[in-house]
C-alpha atoms as a PDB file:
ATOM      1  CA  MET A   1     243.287 135.079  21.921  1.00  0.00           C
ATOM      2  CA  ASP A   2     241.851 135.819  18.341  1.00  0.00           C
ATOM      3  CA  ARG A   3     240.900 139.335  17.595  1.00  0.00           C
ATOM      4  CA  PHE A   4     239.333 138.979  14.171  1.00  0.00           C
ATOM      5  CA  ARG A   5     236.920 136.116  12.967  1.00  0.00           C
ATOM      6  CA  VAL A   6     237.746 135.064   9.474  1.00  0.00           C
ATOM      7  CA  VAL A   7     234.920 134.152   7.444  1.00  0.00           C
ATOM      8  CA  LEU A   8     235.064 132.946   3.441  1.00  0.00           C
ATOM      9  CA  THR A   9     232.783 133.530   0.900  1.00  0.00           C
ATOM     10  CA  ASP A  10     231.326 130.872  -1.269  1.00  0.00           C
ATOM     11  CA  HIS A  11     233.902 132.128  -4.126  1.00  0.00           C
ATOM     12  CA  ALA A  12     236.732 131.696  -1.594  1.00  0.00           C
ATOM     13  CA  ILE A  13     235.701 128.273  -0.677  1.00  0.00           C
ATOM     14  CA  ALA A  14     235.254 127.062  -4.225  1.00  0.00           C
ATOM     15  CA  ASP A  15     238.585 128.702  -4.965  1.00  0.00           C
ATOM     16  CA  LEU A  16     240.476 126.431  -2.276  1.00  0.00           C
ATOM     17  CA  LYS A  17     238.738 123.127  -3.217  1.00  0.00           C
ATOM     18  CA  GLU A  18     240.625 123.669  -6.674  1.00  0.00           C
ATOM     19  CA  ILE A  19     244.102 124.456  -5.049  1.00  0.00           C
ATOM     20  CA  PRO A  20     246.660 121.359  -4.790  1.00  0.00           C
ATOM     21  CA  LYS A  21     246.323 119.956  -1.142  1.00  0.00           C
ATOM     22  CA  GLY A  22     249.859 120.751  -0.138  1.00  0.00           C
ATOM     23  CA  LEU A  23     249.327 124.418  -0.795  1.00  0.00           C
ATOM     24  CA  GLN A  24     246.017 124.249   0.734  1.00  0.00           C
ATOM     25  CA  GLY A  25     247.936 123.796   4.291  1.00  0.00           C
ATOM     26  CA  GLN A  26     250.315 126.764   3.531  1.00  0.00           C
ATOM     27  CA  ILE A  27     247.231 129.009   2.752  1.00  0.00           C
ATOM     28  CA  HIS A  28     245.312 128.054   5.874  1.00  0.00           C
ATOM     29  CA  GLY A  29     248.201 128.808   7.899  1.00  0.00           C
ATOM     30  CA  ASP A  30     248.331 132.431   6.521  1.00  0.00           C
ATOM     31  CA  LEU A  31     244.217 132.822   6.801  1.00  0.00           C
ATOM     32  CA  LYS A  32     244.799 131.773  10.532  1.00  0.00           C
ATOM     33  CA  ASN A  33     247.282 134.337  11.077  1.00  0.00           C
ATOM     34  CA  LEU A  34     244.906 136.905   9.934  1.00  0.00           C
ATOM     35  CA  GLN A  35     242.766 136.145  13.077  1.00  0.00           C
ATOM     36  CA  SER A  36     245.329 137.844  15.272  1.00  0.00           C
ATOM     37  CA  ALA A  37     246.514 140.451  12.842  1.00  0.00           C
ATOM     38  CA  ALA A  38     244.226 141.547  10.059  1.00  0.00           C
ATOM     39  CA  LEU A  39     246.973 144.137   8.669  1.00  0.00           C
ATOM     40  CA  PRO A  40     250.237 142.609   9.773  1.00  0.00           C
ATOM     41  CA  SER A  41     253.363 144.306   9.178  1.00  0.00           C
ATOM     42  CA  GLY A  42     255.710 143.177   5.959  1.00  0.00           C
ATOM     43  CA  PRO A  43     255.416 142.749   2.304  1.00  0.00           C
ATOM     44  CA  GLN A  44     253.023 140.234   2.125  1.00  0.00           C
ATOM     45  CA  ILE A  45     249.952 142.626   2.740  1.00  0.00           C
ATOM     46  CA  LYS A  46     248.902 145.309   0.177  1.00  0.00           C
ATOM     47  CA  ARG A  47     245.885 147.383  -0.108  1.00  0.00           C
ATOM     48  CA  LEU A  48     244.737 147.690  -3.601  1.00  0.00           C
ATOM     49  CA  LYS A  49     243.634 151.042  -4.984  1.00  0.00           C
ATOM     50  CA  GLY A  50     240.248 151.856  -5.933  1.00  0.00           C
ATOM     51  CA  PHE A  51     238.055 150.097  -3.401  1.00  0.00           C
ATOM     52  CA  ARG A  52     235.698 151.402  -1.088  1.00  0.00           C
ATOM     53  CA  PRO A  53     235.457 149.941   1.439  1.00  0.00           C
ATOM     54  CA  PRO A  54     239.402 148.961   1.147  1.00  0.00           C
ATOM     55  CA  VAL A  55     240.281 145.437  -0.056  1.00  0.00           C
ATOM     56  CA  TYR A  56     243.516 144.107   0.657  1.00  0.00           C
ATOM     57  CA  ARG A  57     245.819 141.534  -0.928  1.00  0.00           C
ATOM     58  CA  LEU A  58     247.754 138.620   1.121  1.00  0.00           C
ATOM     59  CA  ARG A  59     250.462 136.930  -0.757  1.00  0.00           C
ATOM     60  CA  SER A  60     250.796 133.133   0.262  1.00  0.00           C
ATOM     61  CA  GLY A  61     253.105 131.595  -2.351  1.00  0.00           C
ATOM     62  CA  ASP A  62     251.730 131.853  -5.660  1.00  0.00           C
ATOM     63  CA  TYR A  63     248.294 132.505  -4.487  1.00  0.00           C
ATOM     64  CA  ARG A  64     246.916 135.820  -3.600  1.00  0.00           C
ATOM     65  CA  VAL A  65     243.932 136.191  -0.930  1.00  0.00           C
ATOM     66  CA  LEU A  66     241.476 138.972  -1.267  1.00  0.00           C
ATOM     67  CA  TYR A  67     239.858 140.054   1.873  1.00  0.00           C
ATOM     68  CA  GLN A  68     238.026 142.871   3.615  1.00  0.00           C
ATOM     69  CA  ILE A  69     237.882 144.128   6.895  1.00  0.00           C
ATOM     70  CA  GLN A  70     234.542 145.069   8.533  1.00  0.00           C
ATOM     71  CA  GLY A  71     234.635 145.478  12.313  1.00  0.00           C
ATOM     72  CA  ASP A  72     236.247 142.300  14.040  1.00  0.00           C
ATOM     73  CA  VAL A  73     235.384 140.171  10.826  1.00  0.00           C
ATOM     74  CA  VAL A  74     237.951 139.455   8.084  1.00  0.00           C
ATOM     75  CA  ASN A  75     235.763 138.577   4.882  1.00  0.00           C
ATOM     76  CA  VAL A  76     237.669 136.547   2.365  1.00  0.00           C
ATOM     77  CA  LEU A  77     236.602 137.323  -0.907  1.00  0.00           C
ATOM     78  CA  ARG A  78     238.630 135.224  -3.312  1.00  0.00           C
ATOM     79  CA  VAL A  79     241.875 132.715  -3.267  1.00  0.00           C
ATOM     80  CA  ILE A  80     243.234 132.786  -6.735  1.00  0.00           C
ATOM     81  CA  ASP A  81     246.547 132.142  -8.765  1.00  0.00           C
ATOM     82  CA  ARG A  82     248.877 135.305  -8.910  1.00  0.00           C
ATOM     83  CA  LYS A  83     248.430 135.006 -12.500  1.00  0.00           C
ATOM     84  CA  LEU A  84     244.914 135.843 -12.411  1.00  0.00           C
ATOM     85  CA  LEU A  85     244.939 138.616 -10.287  1.00  0.00           C
ATOM     86  CA  GLU A  86     244.461 141.450 -12.600  1.00  0.00           C
ATOM     87  CA  ARG A  87     241.450 139.838 -14.128  1.00  0.00           C
ATOM     88  CA  VAL A  88     240.002 139.069 -10.900  1.00  0.00           C
ATOM     89  CA  ILE A  89     240.236 142.561  -9.550  1.00  0.00           C
ATOM     90  CA  LYS A  90     238.624 143.880 -12.445  1.00  0.00           C
ATOM     91  CA  ARG A  91     235.660 141.629 -12.065  1.00  0.00           C
ATOM     92  CA  LEU A  92     235.202 142.485  -8.462  1.00  0.00           C
ATOM     93  CA  ASN A  93     231.830 144.340  -7.898  1.00  0.00           C
ATOM     94  CA  LEU A  94     232.262 145.970  -4.658  1.00  0.00           C
END
């Protein structure tokens, strides 16, 4: 049974389209895992500092998924290459 509904923003959908097909499957699997536990234990989830409401980072191979939790909805903000993480975080307007 799913506890959370995962919703992708327009930016996240565009980001996913740019990722090679083989890696998209891995990321989709990780997003599906967020449906049952939006904050799973382990090193792949990290809360980013300085954001209200909180923004979380999920590691999925060389890509990072930035998301927020609002009630029972997980809003996926971006899916980006790890090399671009700092630049994208600075440009998030939350």
